[in-house]
């Protein structure tokens, strides 16, 4: 029986130290992956899944370090259980090889998804409220209204290409074209 741990960080700027320290006492092997949870390809995770054998335990620090959602987590735990593999969630001291551990895991998974849904809902509501107050959401525009008006005039009055005019402002022709359309300054 092996206890194989998997940990994931979303970006190379994130430090896995806390997870490593938390997992080391519970595992024989530790595999680290740097990839977003929503990435379609997680090669280290896939490799760990292939290596697990009946009687082994898959060890993770927390639910969101291995799975994308409650549904994803429950599907994976069912597959692992069918293969005779247990799951240990170190940060919660949950071991799914016991009936109580599995019940607790399902309950906590549902709460984690509920929390994510609430956060998403609050974020959307906050953005809608900001838009209603006239706030711009997202990246600031690369070009000011005045720059766009000057660019539109230059395009109308000279034979310069859109790429040449855009180059004067340090943006691509595509960026300038979209901005002009968005502001109603293009024909």
C-alpha atoms as a PDB file:
ATOM      1  CA  UNK A   1       0.000   0.000   0.000  1.00  0.00           C
ATOM      2  CA  UNK A   2       1.348   3.406  -1.015  1.00  0.00           C
ATOM      3  CA  UNK A   3       0.168   6.818   0.012  1.00  0.00           C
ATOM      4  CA  UNK A   4       0.680   8.994  -3.071  1.00  0.00           C
ATOM      5  CA  UNK A   5       0.197  12.730  -2.666  1.00  0.00           C
ATOM      6  CA  UNK A   6      -0.702  15.257  -5.352  1.00  0.00           C
ATOM      7  CA  UNK A   7      -0.575  18.989  -4.982  1.00  0.00           C
ATOM      8  CA  UNK A   8      -1.355  21.725  -7.462  1.00  0.00           C
ATOM      9  CA  UNK A   9      -0.634  25.420  -7.634  1.00  0.00           C
ATOM     10  CA  UNK A  10      -2.219  27.570 -10.319  1.00  0.00           C
ATOM     11  CA  UNK A  11       0.779  29.731 -11.209  1.00  0.00           C
ATOM     12  CA  UNK A  12       4.528  29.588 -10.816  1.00  0.00           C
ATOM     13  CA  UNK A  13       4.254  32.615  -8.471  1.00  0.00           C
ATOM     14  CA  UNK A  14       2.240  30.574  -5.975  1.00  0.00           C
ATOM     15  CA  UNK A  15       4.375  28.755  -3.437  1.00  0.00           C
ATOM     16  CA  UNK A  16       3.510  25.120  -2.629  1.00  0.00           C
ATOM     17  CA  UNK A  17       5.434  25.178   0.676  1.00  0.00           C
ATOM     18  CA  UNK A  18       2.346  25.067   2.919  1.00  0.00           C
ATOM     19  CA  UNK A  19       0.924  22.133   0.992  1.00  0.00           C
ATOM     20  CA  UNK A  20       4.269  20.297   0.940  1.00  0.00           C
ATOM     21  CA  UNK A  21       4.676  20.722   4.711  1.00  0.00           C
ATOM     22  CA  UNK A  22       1.101  19.559   5.265  1.00  0.00           C
ATOM     23  CA  UNK A  23       1.357  16.510   2.981  1.00  0.00           C
ATOM     24  CA  UNK A  24       4.808  15.150   3.845  1.00  0.00           C
ATOM     25  CA  UNK A  25       3.728  13.399   7.071  1.00  0.00           C
ATOM     26  CA  UNK A  26       0.958  11.524   5.235  1.00  0.00           C
ATOM     27  CA  UNK A  27       2.610  10.306   2.046  1.00  0.00           C
ATOM     28  CA  UNK A  28       5.261   8.047   0.564  1.00  0.00           C
ATOM     29  CA  UNK A  29       5.460  10.039  -2.686  1.00  0.00           C
ATOM     30  CA  UNK A  30       4.680  13.670  -3.481  1.00  0.00           C
ATOM     31  CA  UNK A  31       3.905  14.992  -6.969  1.00  0.00           C
ATOM     32  CA  UNK A  32       3.632  18.736  -7.697  1.00  0.00           C
ATOM     33  CA  UNK A  33       1.859  20.321 -10.669  1.00  0.00           C
ATOM     34  CA  UNK A  34       1.691  23.970 -11.733  1.00  0.00           C
ATOM     35  CA  UNK A  35      -1.495  24.409 -13.736  1.00  0.00           C
ATOM     36  CA  UNK A  36      -4.874  26.111 -13.390  1.00  0.00           C
ATOM     37  CA  UNK A  37      -7.692  23.943 -12.032  1.00  0.00           C
ATOM     38  CA  UNK A  38      -9.708  24.594 -15.171  1.00  0.00           C
ATOM     39  CA  UNK A  39      -6.904  23.513 -17.495  1.00  0.00           C
ATOM     40  CA  UNK A  40      -7.970  20.694 -19.800  1.00  0.00           C
ATOM     41  CA  UNK A  41      -4.577  19.027 -19.477  1.00  0.00           C
ATOM     42  CA  UNK A  42      -3.141  18.043 -16.096  1.00  0.00           C
ATOM     43  CA  UNK A  43      -0.335  15.588 -16.938  1.00  0.00           C
ATOM     44  CA  UNK A  44       0.945  15.093 -13.376  1.00  0.00           C
ATOM     45  CA  UNK A  45      -2.557  14.405 -12.068  1.00  0.00           C
ATOM     46  CA  UNK A  46      -3.163  11.921 -14.904  1.00  0.00           C
ATOM     47  CA  UNK A  47       0.161  10.181 -14.190  1.00  0.00           C
ATOM     48  CA  UNK A  48      -0.658   9.870 -10.483  1.00  0.00           C
ATOM     49  CA  UNK A  49      -4.099   8.438 -11.305  1.00  0.00           C
ATOM     50  CA  UNK A  50      -2.470   5.803 -13.549  1.00  0.00           C
ATOM     51  CA  UNK A  51       0.054   4.833 -10.847  1.00  0.00           C
ATOM     52  CA  UNK A  52      -2.501   4.275  -8.076  1.00  0.00           C
ATOM     53  CA  UNK A  53      -3.223   0.601  -7.397  1.00  0.00           C
ATOM     54  CA  UNK A  54      -5.860  -1.133  -5.238  1.00  0.00           C
ATOM     55  CA  UNK A  55      -5.085  -0.540  -1.565  1.00  0.00           C
ATOM     56  CA  UNK A  56      -3.228   2.733  -2.242  1.00  0.00           C
ATOM     57  CA  UNK A  57      -4.376   6.057  -0.834  1.00  0.00           C
ATOM     58  CA  UNK A  58      -4.537   9.248  -2.886  1.00  0.00           C
ATOM     59  CA  UNK A  59      -3.506  12.129  -0.596  1.00  0.00           C
ATOM     60  CA  UNK A  60      -4.357  15.788  -1.280  1.00  0.00           C
ATOM     61  CA  UNK A  61      -4.025  18.904   0.832  1.00  0.00           C
ATOM     62  CA  UNK A  62      -7.514  20.293   0.081  1.00  0.00           C
ATOM     63  CA  UNK A  63     -10.411  19.622  -2.290  1.00  0.00           C
ATOM     64  CA  UNK A  64      -9.682  22.528  -4.609  1.00  0.00           C
ATOM     65  CA  UNK A  65      -6.060  21.420  -5.011  1.00  0.00           C
ATOM     66  CA  UNK A  66      -7.130  18.323  -6.942  1.00  0.00           C
ATOM     67  CA  UNK A  67     -10.624  18.822  -8.362  1.00  0.00           C
ATOM     68  CA  UNK A  68     -12.531  21.538 -10.192  1.00  0.00           C
ATOM     69  CA  UNK A  69     -15.943  21.156  -8.553  1.00  0.00           C
ATOM     70  CA  UNK A  70     -17.960  19.024  -6.151  1.00  0.00           C
ATOM     71  CA  UNK A  71     -19.363  17.063  -9.066  1.00  0.00           C
ATOM     72  CA  UNK A  72     -15.855  16.438 -10.405  1.00  0.00           C
ATOM     73  CA  UNK A  73     -14.610  15.424  -6.942  1.00  0.00           C
ATOM     74  CA  UNK A  74     -17.489  13.022  -6.310  1.00  0.00           C
ATOM     75  CA  UNK A  75     -17.069  11.425  -9.748  1.00  0.00           C
ATOM     76  CA  UNK A  76     -13.355  10.943  -9.116  1.00  0.00           C
ATOM     77  CA  UNK A  77     -13.824   9.557  -5.603  1.00  0.00           C
ATOM     78  CA  UNK A  78     -16.352   7.053  -6.982  1.00  0.00           C
ATOM     79  CA  UNK A  79     -13.864   5.955  -9.663  1.00  0.00           C
ATOM     80  CA  UNK A  80     -11.081   5.641  -7.101  1.00  0.00           C
ATOM     81  CA  UNK A  81     -13.299   3.720  -4.669  1.00  0.00           C
ATOM     82  CA  UNK A  82     -14.311   1.321  -7.476  1.00  0.00           C
ATOM     83  CA  UNK A  83     -10.588   0.711  -8.047  1.00  0.00           C
ATOM     84  CA  UNK A  84     -10.054   0.035  -4.319  1.00  0.00           C
ATOM     85  CA  UNK A  85      -8.213   3.309  -3.698  1.00  0.00           C
ATOM     86  CA  UNK A  86      -8.830   5.516  -0.660  1.00  0.00           C
ATOM     87  CA  UNK A  87      -8.579   9.302  -0.413  1.00  0.00           C
ATOM     88  CA  UNK A  88      -7.022  11.296   2.392  1.00  0.00           C
ATOM     89  CA  UNK A  89      -7.638  15.060   2.585  1.00  0.00           C
ATOM     90  CA  UNK A  90      -4.842  16.221   4.862  1.00  0.00           C
ATOM     91  CA  UNK A  91      -6.086  19.724   5.728  1.00  0.00           C
ATOM     92  CA  UNK A  92      -9.360  18.272   7.006  1.00  0.00           C
ATOM     93  CA  UNK A  93      -8.088  14.987   8.445  1.00  0.00           C
ATOM     94  CA  UNK A  94     -10.569  13.083   6.290  1.00  0.00           C
ATOM     95  CA  UNK A  95      -9.838   9.540   5.170  1.00  0.00           C
ATOM     96  CA  UNK A  96     -12.532   8.189   2.850  1.00  0.00           C
ATOM     97  CA  UNK A  97     -11.710   4.573   3.565  1.00  0.00           C
ATOM     98  CA  UNK A  98     -14.201   4.801   6.460  1.00  0.00           C
ATOM     99  CA  UNK A  99     -17.967   5.384   6.034  1.00  0.00           C
ATOM    100  CA  UNK A 100     -17.766   8.447   8.312  1.00  0.00           C
ATOM    101  CA  UNK A 101     -14.868   9.847   6.292  1.00  0.00           C
ATOM    102  CA  UNK A 102     -16.813   9.442   3.041  1.00  0.00           C
ATOM    103  CA  UNK A 103     -19.923  11.139   4.511  1.00  0.00           C
ATOM    104  CA  UNK A 104     -17.833  14.005   5.838  1.00  0.00           C
ATOM    105  CA  UNK A 105     -16.078  14.329   2.484  1.00  0.00           C
ATOM    106  CA  UNK A 106     -19.377  14.571   0.581  1.00  0.00           C
ATOM    107  CA  UNK A 107     -20.705  17.174   3.024  1.00  0.00           C
ATOM    108  CA  UNK A 108     -17.570  19.324   2.876  1.00  0.00           C
ATOM    109  CA  UNK A 109     -17.434  19.050  -0.933  1.00  0.00           C
ATOM    110  CA  UNK A 110     -20.987  20.367  -1.160  1.00  0.00           C
ATOM    111  CA  UNK A 111     -20.157  23.262   1.184  1.00  0.00           C
ATOM    112  CA  UNK A 112     -17.066  24.156  -0.860  1.00  0.00           C
ATOM    113  CA  UNK A 113     -19.098  24.294  -4.071  1.00  0.00           C
ATOM    114  CA  UNK A 114     -21.798  26.355  -2.331  1.00  0.00           C
ATOM    115  CA  UNK A 115     -19.134  28.828  -1.182  1.00  0.00           C
ATOM    116  CA  UNK A 116     -17.726  29.119  -4.744  1.00  0.00           C
ATOM    117  CA  UNK A 117     -21.221  29.690  -6.135  1.00  0.00           C
ATOM    118  CA  UNK A 118     -21.909  32.415  -3.549  1.00  0.00           C
ATOM    119  CA  UNK A 119     -18.614  34.126  -4.339  1.00  0.00           C
ATOM    120  CA  UNK A 120     -19.370  34.034  -8.062  1.00  0.00           C
ATOM    121  CA  UNK A 121     -22.859  35.432  -7.471  1.00  0.00           C
ATOM    122  CA  UNK A 122     -21.548  38.251  -5.257  1.00  0.00           C
ATOM    123  CA  UNK A 123     -18.882  39.109  -7.837  1.00  0.00           C
ATOM    124  CA  UNK A 124     -21.463  39.311 -10.639  1.00  0.00           C
ATOM    125  CA  UNK A 125     -23.782  41.435  -8.490  1.00  0.00           C
ATOM    126  CA  UNK A 126     -20.922  43.771  -7.584  1.00  0.00           C
ATOM    127  CA  UNK A 127     -19.948  44.176 -11.233  1.00  0.00           C
ATOM    128  CA  UNK A 128     -23.554  44.869 -12.233  1.00  0.00           C
ATOM    129  CA  UNK A 129     -23.860  47.496  -9.477  1.00  0.00           C
ATOM    130  CA  UNK A 130     -20.619  49.145 -10.611  1.00  0.00           C
ATOM    131  CA  UNK A 131     -21.798  49.202 -14.239  1.00  0.00           C
ATOM    132  CA  UNK A 132     -25.106  50.744 -13.138  1.00  0.00           C
ATOM    133  CA  UNK A 133     -23.092  53.566 -11.528  1.00  0.00           C
ATOM    134  CA  UNK A 134     -21.239  54.102 -14.797  1.00  0.00           C
ATOM    135  CA  UNK A 135     -18.014  52.392 -13.759  1.00  0.00           C
ATOM    136  CA  UNK A 136     -16.010  50.637 -16.426  1.00  0.00           C
ATOM    137  CA  UNK A 137     -15.310  46.980 -15.651  1.00  0.00           C
ATOM    138  CA  UNK A 138     -12.203  45.292 -16.951  1.00  0.00           C
ATOM    139  CA  UNK A 139      -8.943  46.453 -18.349  1.00  0.00           C
ATOM    140  CA  UNK A 140      -8.448  50.183 -18.833  1.00  0.00           C
ATOM    141  CA  UNK A 141      -8.511  51.248 -22.493  1.00  0.00           C
ATOM    142  CA  UNK A 142      -5.114  51.506 -24.182  1.00  0.00           C
ATOM    143  CA  UNK A 143      -6.128  54.689 -26.008  1.00  0.00           C
ATOM    144  CA  UNK A 144      -7.910  57.767 -24.668  1.00  0.00           C
ATOM    145  CA  UNK A 145     -10.918  59.283 -26.411  1.00  0.00           C
ATOM    146  CA  UNK A 146      -8.694  62.117 -27.616  1.00  0.00           C
ATOM    147  CA  UNK A 147      -6.129  59.696 -29.088  1.00  0.00           C
ATOM    148  CA  UNK A 148      -8.921  57.832 -30.864  1.00  0.00           C
ATOM    149  CA  UNK A 149     -10.327  61.052 -32.318  1.00  0.00           C
ATOM    150  CA  UNK A 150      -6.853  62.040 -33.565  1.00  0.00           C
ATOM    151  CA  UNK A 151      -6.322  58.573 -35.050  1.00  0.00           C
ATOM    152  CA  UNK A 152      -9.715  58.687 -36.798  1.00  0.00           C
ATOM    153  CA  UNK A 153      -8.884  62.112 -38.234  1.00  0.00           C
ATOM    154  CA  UNK A 154      -5.471  60.923 -39.438  1.00  0.00           C
ATOM    155  CA  UNK A 155      -7.039  57.877 -41.109  1.00  0.00           C
ATOM    156  CA  UNK A 156      -9.627  60.063 -42.837  1.00  0.00           C
ATOM    157  CA  UNK A 157      -7.225  62.835 -43.913  1.00  0.00           C
ATOM    158  CA  UNK A 158      -4.132  60.857 -44.966  1.00  0.00           C
ATOM    159  CA  UNK A 159      -3.352  57.712 -46.864  1.00  0.00           C
ATOM    160  CA  UNK A 160      -1.698  56.079 -43.821  1.00  0.00           C
ATOM    161  CA  UNK A 161      -2.729  52.507 -43.115  1.00  0.00           C
ATOM    162  CA  UNK A 162      -4.459  51.540 -39.898  1.00  0.00           C
ATOM    163  CA  UNK A 163      -1.296  49.672 -38.844  1.00  0.00           C
ATOM    164  CA  UNK A 164       0.863  52.771 -39.403  1.00  0.00           C
ATOM    165  CA  UNK A 165      -1.493  54.988 -37.370  1.00  0.00           C
ATOM    166  CA  UNK A 166      -1.781  52.340 -34.655  1.00  0.00           C
ATOM    167  CA  UNK A 167       2.011  52.114 -34.486  1.00  0.00           C
ATOM    168  CA  UNK A 168       2.158  55.808 -33.584  1.00  0.00           C
ATOM    169  CA  UNK A 169       0.181  54.968 -30.414  1.00  0.00           C
ATOM    170  CA  UNK A 170       2.015  51.746 -29.615  1.00  0.00           C
ATOM    171  CA  UNK A 171      -0.920  49.439 -30.322  1.00  0.00           C
ATOM    172  CA  UNK A 172      -1.789  46.960 -33.047  1.00  0.00           C
ATOM    173  CA  UNK A 173      -4.006  47.818 -35.987  1.00  0.00           C
ATOM    174  CA  UNK A 174      -6.600  45.401 -34.670  1.00  0.00           C
ATOM    175  CA  UNK A 175      -6.678  47.146 -31.269  1.00  0.00           C
ATOM    176  CA  UNK A 176      -7.089  50.559 -32.923  1.00  0.00           C
ATOM    177  CA  UNK A 177      -9.789  49.293 -35.284  1.00  0.00           C
ATOM    178  CA  UNK A 178     -11.824  47.766 -32.420  1.00  0.00           C
ATOM    179  CA  UNK A 179     -11.474  50.887 -30.272  1.00  0.00           C
ATOM    180  CA  UNK A 180     -12.601  53.125 -33.137  1.00  0.00           C
ATOM    181  CA  UNK A 181     -15.648  50.933 -33.740  1.00  0.00           C
ATOM    182  CA  UNK A 182     -16.477  50.782 -30.040  1.00  0.00           C
ATOM    183  CA  UNK A 183     -16.399  54.599 -29.827  1.00  0.00           C
ATOM    184  CA  UNK A 184     -18.347  55.025 -33.082  1.00  0.00           C
ATOM    185  CA  UNK A 185     -15.405  56.751 -34.789  1.00  0.00           C
ATOM    186  CA  UNK A 186     -14.952  54.405 -37.730  1.00  0.00           C
ATOM    187  CA  UNK A 187     -16.907  54.304 -40.968  1.00  0.00           C
END
